[in-house]
Amino acid sequence: MNTIRTLHLASFSGNIGDNANHRGSKKLFLRNDLPALHYEQMEIRDFYRGQRKFDLDFIQYANTFDLLFIGGGNFFELWPPDSKSGTSINLDILDLEKIKVPILFYSLGVDVGLGCSEDNKKKFKAFLDYCIQKPEIFVSVRNDGAISNLTNLYGKKFASKMTMIPDGGFFADYPACSAIKNNPVKNIAINIAGDMLDVRTKNIGFDNYIDEIAKFLMDFHANYHDYITVFFPHIFKDYTIITSLFDKLPDEISRNKLQIAPYAQGDQAAEIIWGQYRQCELVLANRFHANVVPIGMGIPTIGLCNYPQIYGLYKELEIQDRLIDCSKSGFSKNLMDLTGQTLAALPEVKNRLRNISLQVNKSGDENIQYLKSWFQQNFK
């Protein structure tokens, strides 16, 4: 089989989670002997910004390739009000019929966290009805509760026909980076999302949310004197949380106990920043890939949950006990308790997460075989 010329539509410059996703997916493809793909990247954020459109020009351009590859990413999110499919992929059945090359929807999130209107629910159903009966279209979802969301929306009709391929971030496996050197001081990492704050803090309120995190940090550093907390911003809006927190903390803590990792985008930046995550004994993670990548690398991780996707991820992995609900007042005590328990039993926690990582890798290797068969059928 010759190299397949591939138009790869995804997010490449959104944040370092995107870079980890694509890096890991390529490793999964390579170790399972999938066909060689020659990628031309197309940034999906150009569509969000209005610089490109899902129009005839896009379709005609896609038809100049051998394959249209969409994903991985959270592109089956069901909030966009004017989408023809009800999702971020603004293509309807008439558009799909005009695409003459095979289409791969790869490891996508089905996300209802920002809502799903009845109109979008109907449009997405029609979209999936068309896709699952076309042999030249392959639809796969990721392990973030996507299957459960499909079941809640439509029963088992689609869930039973979808291949679940774990998010590529689980397989990224970055080497440690020496940029953070606090020896003999130890590091814990914290990532707190600064976007969608109206949704994330709806029940608790922004000020109360910040107060709870600040209380945790003061309690932690009062009890663990040999630790530094390193903040990891993934997008610029994450600084909203970080600066708000610094304002709430005593000077002694904000000046001497807290650090901020570099903020940058792209594969080289991802190499450095994920390598810095690897130097931390514990990760407290709010964003999706801030959970996925450390878990994949076997780093003890606690999920900070104020968005359904994070709960869906931990439920899929059957580690809900490592999840803290940050939508309710008083969560700082629960977070402090779980942090203390984790640091007191690091070898056991690491061993458990290594086993989780092994299970995810096994699932990836098994389920990617369905995609391998699809390639064999469509690219003989």
Protein backbone atom coordinates (compact mmCIF):
# COMPACT_ATOMS: atom_id res chain seq x y z
CA MET A 1 0.00 0.00 0.00
CA ASN A 2 1.45 3.37 -1.03
CA THR A 3 1.60 6.41 1.25
CA ILE A 4 -1.86 7.92 1.63
CA ARG A 5 -2.06 11.64 0.94
CA THR A 6 -4.07 12.93 3.88
CA LEU A 7 -5.80 16.22 4.62
CA HIS A 8 -5.68 16.32 8.42
CA LEU A 9 -8.28 18.67 9.89
CA ALA A 10 -7.74 19.21 13.60
CA SER A 11 -6.41 21.67 16.15
CA PHE A 12 -2.64 22.00 16.00
CA SER A 13 -2.16 25.36 17.71
CA GLY A 14 -4.89 25.34 20.35
CA ASN A 15 -2.68 24.28 23.25
CA ILE A 16 -0.08 21.67 24.16
CA GLY A 17 -2.82 19.09 24.71
CA ASP A 18 -3.44 19.08 20.97
CA ASN A 19 0.24 18.43 20.32
CA ALA A 20 0.26 15.52 22.76
CA ASN A 21 -2.90 14.10 21.16
CA HIS A 22 -1.40 14.00 17.66
CA ARG A 23 2.01 12.79 18.84
CA GLY A 24 0.47 9.86 20.69
CA SER A 25 -1.93 8.96 17.89
CA LYS A 26 0.92 8.70 15.42
CA LYS A 27 2.81 6.44 17.83
CA LEU A 28 -0.29 4.22 18.13
CA PHE A 29 -0.58 4.04 14.33
CA LEU A 30 3.10 3.22 13.91
CA ARG A 31 3.30 0.42 16.45
CA ASN A 32 0.21 -1.23 14.94
CA ASP A 33 1.53 -1.06 11.36
CA LEU A 34 -1.21 1.16 9.97
CA PRO A 35 -0.61 2.59 6.50
CA ALA A 36 1.82 5.45 6.10
CA LEU A 37 -0.04 8.77 5.99
CA HIS A 38 1.44 11.89 4.44
CA TYR A 39 -0.29 14.66 6.37
CA GLU A 40 -1.16 18.15 5.25
CA GLN A 41 -2.43 20.01 8.29
CA MET A 42 -5.50 22.23 8.22
CA GLU A 43 -6.17 24.16 11.42
CA ILE A 44 -9.79 23.80 12.55
CA ARG A 45 -9.57 27.03 14.52
CA ASP A 46 -9.41 28.86 11.18
CA PHE A 47 -13.02 27.73 10.71
CA TYR A 48 -14.00 28.93 14.18
CA ARG A 49 -12.39 32.31 13.44
CA GLY A 50 -14.18 32.67 10.12
CA GLN A 51 -10.99 32.46 8.05
CA ARG A 52 -12.22 29.24 6.39
CA LYS A 53 -15.64 27.74 5.81
CA PHE A 54 -17.06 24.26 5.43
CA ASP A 55 -18.10 25.14 1.88
CA LEU A 56 -17.62 23.91 -1.66
CA ASP A 57 -14.02 25.18 -1.74
CA PHE A 58 -13.23 23.03 1.29
CA ILE A 59 -14.94 19.99 -0.25
CA GLN A 60 -13.15 20.41 -3.58
CA TYR A 61 -9.82 20.77 -1.79
CA ALA A 62 -10.49 17.66 0.31
CA ASN A 63 -11.19 15.75 -2.89
CA THR A 64 -7.64 16.42 -4.12
CA PHE A 65 -6.34 14.10 -1.37
CA ASP A 66 -6.68 10.38 -0.79
CA LEU A 67 -8.17 10.74 2.70
CA LEU A 68 -9.95 13.33 4.82
CA PHE A 69 -8.83 12.77 8.42
CA ILE A 70 -10.75 14.73 11.08
CA GLY A 71 -9.47 14.55 14.66
CA GLY A 72 -8.63 13.67 17.28
CA GLY A 73 -10.31 16.36 19.29
CA ASN A 74 -13.55 17.45 20.92
CA PHE A 75 -15.31 18.12 17.62
CA PHE A 76 -18.60 16.32 18.28
CA GLU A 77 -19.52 19.01 20.80
CA LEU A 78 -23.22 19.71 20.49
CA TRP A 79 -23.62 23.38 21.39
CA PRO A 80 -22.94 25.26 18.07
CA PRO A 81 -26.29 26.92 17.22
CA ASP A 82 -25.96 27.21 13.45
CA SER A 83 -24.13 24.00 12.54
CA LYS A 84 -25.56 21.81 9.79
CA SER A 85 -24.48 18.68 11.68
CA GLY A 86 -25.22 20.05 15.15
CA THR A 87 -21.50 19.89 15.95
CA SER A 88 -18.27 21.80 15.36
CA ILE A 89 -17.94 19.88 12.07
CA ASN A 90 -20.32 22.02 10.04
CA LEU A 91 -21.08 19.47 7.30
CA ASP A 92 -24.45 17.98 6.46
CA ILE A 93 -25.38 14.90 4.41
CA LEU A 94 -25.38 16.83 1.13
CA ASP A 95 -21.83 17.99 1.88
CA LEU A 96 -20.69 14.48 2.81
CA GLU A 97 -22.09 13.13 -0.45
CA LYS A 98 -19.88 15.55 -2.38
CA ILE A 99 -16.73 14.33 -0.65
CA LYS A 100 -15.44 11.55 -2.90
CA VAL A 101 -12.57 10.33 -0.74
CA PRO A 102 -12.81 8.19 2.43
CA ILE A 103 -13.46 10.14 5.63
CA LEU A 104 -12.00 9.24 9.01
CA PHE A 105 -13.56 10.82 12.11
CA TYR A 106 -10.84 9.89 14.56
CA SER A 107 -11.14 9.60 18.37
CA LEU A 108 -13.60 12.47 18.84
CA GLY A 109 -15.26 13.69 22.00
CA VAL A 110 -19.07 13.75 22.13
CA ASP A 111 -19.51 16.72 24.45
CA VAL A 112 -22.81 17.99 25.86
CA GLY A 113 -21.21 20.04 28.64
CA LEU A 114 -22.19 23.36 27.02
CA GLY A 115 -25.67 22.13 26.16
CA CYS A 116 -27.45 20.35 23.33
CA SER A 117 -30.63 21.73 21.77
CA GLU A 118 -33.31 19.43 20.38
CA ASP A 119 -32.50 20.81 16.93
CA ASN A 120 -28.83 19.88 17.25
CA LYS A 121 -29.76 16.47 18.62
CA LYS A 122 -31.86 15.80 15.50
CA LYS A 123 -29.18 17.10 13.13
CA PHE A 124 -26.44 15.03 14.74
CA LYS A 125 -28.66 11.94 14.56
CA ALA A 126 -29.15 12.42 10.82
CA PHE A 127 -25.41 12.97 10.42
CA LEU A 128 -24.54 9.76 12.28
CA ASP A 129 -27.28 7.78 10.53
CA TYR A 130 -25.64 8.63 7.23
CA CYS A 131 -22.06 7.99 8.39
CA ILE A 132 -22.56 4.56 9.95
CA GLN A 133 -24.08 3.08 6.78
CA LYS A 134 -21.28 4.31 4.50
CA PRO A 135 -18.33 1.86 4.28
CA GLU A 136 -16.01 4.65 3.20
CA ILE A 137 -16.66 6.61 6.43
CA PHE A 138 -15.16 5.51 9.75
CA VAL A 139 -16.40 7.10 12.98
CA SER A 140 -14.51 6.64 16.24
CA VAL A 141 -14.86 8.38 19.60
CA ARG A 142 -12.53 8.77 22.55
CA ASN A 143 -12.66 7.62 26.16
CA ASP A 144 -14.08 10.74 27.78
CA GLY A 145 -17.65 9.56 28.27
CA ALA A 146 -18.47 9.85 24.56
CA ILE A 147 -20.11 6.42 24.39
CA SER A 148 -22.17 7.19 27.50
CA ASN A 149 -23.26 10.53 26.03
CA LEU A 150 -24.31 8.85 22.78
CA THR A 151 -26.31 6.31 24.76
CA ASN A 152 -28.02 9.04 26.78
CA LEU A 153 -28.88 10.91 23.58
CA TYR A 154 -29.97 8.08 21.28
CA GLY A 155 -30.00 4.80 23.19
CA LYS A 156 -27.65 2.06 22.00
CA LYS A 157 -28.17 2.62 18.28
CA PHE A 158 -24.97 4.57 17.67
CA ALA A 159 -22.99 3.61 20.76
CA SER A 160 -22.93 -0.02 19.65
CA LYS A 161 -21.59 0.92 16.22
CA MET A 162 -18.83 3.28 17.31
CA THR A 163 -15.22 2.27 17.82
CA MET A 164 -13.71 3.75 20.98
CA ILE A 165 -10.07 4.68 20.42
CA PRO A 166 -8.39 6.24 23.48
CA ASP A 167 -7.24 9.81 23.16
CA GLY A 168 -3.76 10.04 21.66
CA GLY A 169 -2.47 11.93 24.69
CA PHE A 170 -2.34 8.65 26.62
CA PHE A 171 0.41 7.43 24.30
CA ALA A 172 2.47 10.63 23.97
CA ASP A 173 5.05 9.68 26.66
CA TYR A 174 7.34 12.71 26.91
CA PRO A 175 10.82 12.44 28.47
CA ALA A 176 11.57 14.46 31.59
CA CYS A 177 12.81 18.00 31.03
CA SER A 178 15.33 19.59 33.39
CA ALA A 179 13.96 23.14 33.18
CA ILE A 180 12.47 22.91 36.69
CA LYS A 181 15.26 22.33 39.21
CA ASN A 182 14.21 22.72 42.81
CA ASN A 183 16.24 19.90 44.35
CA PRO A 184 16.12 18.99 47.14
CA VAL A 185 12.69 20.67 47.00
CA LYS A 186 9.93 18.60 45.38
CA ASN A 187 7.30 19.71 42.88
CA ILE A 188 3.58 19.26 42.47
CA ALA A 189 1.81 20.51 39.34
CA ILE A 190 -1.50 22.30 39.16
CA ASN A 191 -3.46 23.14 36.04
CA ILE A 192 -6.63 25.19 36.43
CA ALA A 193 -8.67 26.20 33.38
CA GLY A 194 -9.49 29.86 32.88
CA ASP A 195 -11.99 29.45 30.04
CA MET A 196 -15.73 28.71 30.25
CA LEU A 197 -15.71 30.08 33.79
CA ASP A 198 -19.44 30.80 33.65
CA VAL A 199 -20.00 27.06 33.24
CA ARG A 200 -17.17 25.81 35.46
CA THR A 201 -18.10 28.05 38.42
CA LYS A 202 -21.86 28.24 37.89
CA ASN A 203 -22.77 26.43 41.12
CA ILE A 204 -20.01 27.69 43.38
CA GLY A 205 -19.34 31.21 42.09
CA PHE A 206 -15.98 32.46 40.81
CA ASP A 207 -14.85 34.19 44.03
CA ASN A 208 -15.73 31.19 46.19
CA TYR A 209 -13.97 28.90 43.71
CA ILE A 210 -10.77 30.95 43.92
CA ASP A 211 -11.03 31.11 47.71
CA GLU A 212 -11.24 27.30 47.93
CA ILE A 213 -8.14 26.79 45.78
CA ALA A 214 -6.27 29.45 47.76
CA LYS A 215 -7.26 27.72 51.01
CA PHE A 216 -5.95 24.42 49.66
CA LEU A 217 -2.61 26.00 48.71
CA MET A 218 -2.21 27.62 52.14
CA ASP A 219 -3.04 24.34 53.90
CA PHE A 220 -0.76 22.37 51.63
CA HIS A 221 2.29 24.59 52.07
CA ALA A 222 1.69 24.84 55.81
CA ASN A 223 2.03 21.06 56.03
CA TYR A 224 4.47 20.26 53.21
CA HIS A 225 7.39 22.65 53.58
CA ASP A 226 9.67 20.91 51.08
CA TYR A 227 7.31 21.27 48.11
CA ILE A 228 6.92 23.88 45.37
CA THR A 229 3.62 24.21 43.45
CA VAL A 230 4.15 24.74 39.72
CA PHE A 231 1.25 26.20 37.74
CA PHE A 232 0.88 25.00 34.15
CA PRO A 233 -1.16 27.37 31.95
CA HIS A 234 -2.28 25.71 28.70
CA ILE A 235 -4.01 28.73 27.19
CA PHE A 236 -3.68 32.44 27.88
CA LYS A 237 -7.00 32.56 29.76
CA ASP A 238 -5.55 30.24 32.41
CA TYR A 239 -3.64 33.26 33.71
CA THR A 240 -7.01 34.65 34.86
CA ILE A 241 -7.09 31.97 37.55
CA ILE A 242 -3.39 32.11 38.35
CA THR A 243 -3.27 35.88 38.91
CA SER A 244 -6.52 35.80 40.89
CA LEU A 245 -5.01 33.13 43.13
CA PHE A 246 -1.77 35.01 43.68
CA ASP A 247 -3.81 38.00 44.89
CA LYS A 248 -5.47 35.79 47.51
CA LEU A 249 -2.28 34.29 48.94
CA PRO A 250 0.21 35.58 51.51
CA ASP A 251 3.39 37.03 50.08
CA GLU A 252 5.49 34.27 51.63
CA ILE A 253 3.63 31.63 49.62
CA SER A 254 3.16 33.50 46.34
CA ARG A 255 6.80 34.62 46.31
CA ASN A 256 8.58 31.52 47.61
CA LYS A 257 6.33 28.50 47.09
CA LEU A 258 4.76 29.04 43.67
CA GLN A 259 6.17 28.91 40.15
CA ILE A 260 4.60 29.24 36.70
CA ALA A 261 5.75 26.98 33.88
CA PRO A 262 6.32 28.48 30.42
CA TYR A 263 3.32 29.31 28.27
CA ALA A 264 3.92 28.42 24.62
CA GLN A 265 2.40 26.43 21.76
CA GLY A 266 3.64 23.91 19.22
CA ASP A 267 5.46 20.59 19.27
CA GLN A 268 8.72 21.96 20.67
CA ALA A 269 6.93 23.77 23.46
CA ALA A 270 4.93 20.62 24.24
CA GLU A 271 8.16 18.63 24.52
CA ILE A 272 9.47 21.02 27.15
CA ILE A 273 6.27 21.62 29.11
CA TRP A 274 5.09 18.00 29.28
CA GLY A 275 8.65 17.13 30.22
CA GLN A 276 8.29 19.52 33.16
CA TYR A 277 5.04 17.84 34.18
CA ARG A 278 7.06 14.63 34.33
CA GLN A 279 9.31 16.13 37.00
CA CYS A 280 6.36 16.56 39.38
CA GLU A 281 5.43 14.00 42.01
CA LEU A 282 1.73 14.81 41.71
CA VAL A 283 -0.50 16.54 39.15
CA LEU A 284 -3.74 18.34 40.08
CA ALA A 285 -5.47 18.71 36.73
CA ASN A 286 -8.52 20.62 35.55
CA ARG A 287 -8.14 20.40 31.76
CA PHE A 288 -8.74 17.23 29.77
CA HIS A 289 -5.21 16.66 28.48
CA ALA A 290 -3.67 17.88 31.75
CA ASN A 291 -5.26 14.70 33.13
CA VAL A 292 -4.79 12.40 30.13
CA VAL A 293 -1.09 12.91 29.46
CA PRO A 294 0.17 12.55 33.08
CA ILE A 295 -2.03 9.48 33.62
CA GLY A 296 -0.60 8.01 30.42
CA MET A 297 2.91 8.66 31.76
CA GLY A 298 2.07 7.03 35.11
CA ILE A 299 2.25 10.23 37.15
CA PRO A 300 -0.09 10.32 40.17
CA THR A 301 -2.93 12.60 39.10
CA ILE A 302 -5.99 14.06 40.80
CA GLY A 303 -8.80 15.29 38.57
CA LEU A 304 -10.26 18.69 39.43
CA CYS A 305 -13.79 18.29 38.12
CA ASN A 306 -16.06 21.18 37.23
CA TYR A 307 -16.88 20.07 33.68
CA PRO A 308 -18.64 16.79 32.72
CA GLN A 309 -15.88 15.64 30.37
CA ILE A 310 -13.43 15.16 33.25
CA TYR A 311 -15.93 13.05 35.16
CA GLY A 312 -16.54 11.02 31.98
CA LEU A 313 -12.81 10.39 31.61
CA TYR A 314 -12.33 9.18 35.19
CA LYS A 315 -15.45 7.04 35.00
CA GLU A 316 -14.16 5.39 31.81
CA LEU A 317 -10.88 4.64 33.60
CA GLU A 318 -12.73 3.47 36.74
CA ILE A 319 -10.76 5.79 39.01
CA GLN A 320 -13.54 8.11 40.19
CA ASP A 321 -11.98 7.99 43.67
CA ARG A 322 -9.18 10.18 42.27
CA LEU A 323 -11.65 12.89 41.32
CA ILE A 324 -12.48 16.03 43.32
CA ASP A 325 -15.79 17.80 42.66
CA CYS A 326 -14.81 21.47 42.46
CA SER A 327 -18.34 22.73 41.90
CA LYS A 328 -19.28 22.75 45.58
CA SER A 329 -18.13 24.86 48.51
CA GLY A 330 -15.71 23.11 50.82
CA PHE A 331 -13.87 21.11 48.16
CA SER A 332 -10.50 22.37 49.43
CA LYS A 333 -10.70 19.97 52.39
CA ASN A 334 -11.43 16.99 50.12
CA LEU A 335 -8.57 18.03 47.85
CA MET A 336 -6.20 18.37 50.79
CA ASP A 337 -7.20 14.96 52.13
CA LEU A 338 -6.70 13.21 48.79
CA THR A 339 -3.42 15.03 48.16
CA GLY A 340 -2.10 13.92 51.55
CA GLN A 341 -3.23 10.34 51.01
CA THR A 342 -1.55 10.30 47.60
CA LEU A 343 1.79 11.68 48.77
CA ALA A 344 1.79 9.20 51.67
CA ALA A 345 1.33 6.27 49.29
CA LEU A 346 3.13 7.35 46.11
CA PRO A 347 4.53 3.90 45.15
CA GLU A 348 1.09 2.29 45.39
CA VAL A 349 -0.61 5.11 43.46
CA LYS A 350 2.07 5.02 40.75
CA ASN A 351 1.65 1.28 40.40
CA ARG A 352 -2.12 1.64 40.09
CA LEU A 353 -1.82 4.31 37.40
CA ARG A 354 0.78 2.26 35.53
CA ASN A 355 -1.77 -0.55 35.39
CA ILE A 356 -4.41 1.91 34.15
CA SER A 357 -1.98 3.08 31.47
CA LEU A 358 -1.31 -0.52 30.45
CA GLN A 359 -5.06 -1.14 30.15
CA VAL A 360 -5.52 1.97 28.01
CA ASN A 361 -2.63 0.89 25.78
CA LYS A 362 -4.16 -2.57 25.41
CA SER A 363 -7.51 -1.03 24.52
CA GLY A 364 -5.85 1.24 21.98
CA ASP A 365 -3.98 -1.63 20.33
CA GLU A 366 -7.11 -3.77 20.21
CA ASN A 367 -9.53 -1.15 18.92
CA ILE A 368 -7.14 0.32 16.36
CA GLN A 369 -7.42 -3.01 14.54
CA TYR A 370 -10.93 -2.01 13.42
CA LEU A 371 -9.44 1.07 11.83
CA LYS A 372 -6.64 -0.99 10.30
CA SER A 373 -9.24 -3.23 8.64
CA TRP A 374 -11.07 -0.15 7.35
CA PHE A 375 -7.88 1.11 5.74
CA GLN A 376 -7.36 -2.28 4.09
CA GLN A 377 -10.88 -2.20 2.66
CA ASN A 378 -10.71 1.37 1.37
CA PHE A 379 -7.09 1.59 0.23
CA LYS A 380 -6.30 -1.65 -1.58
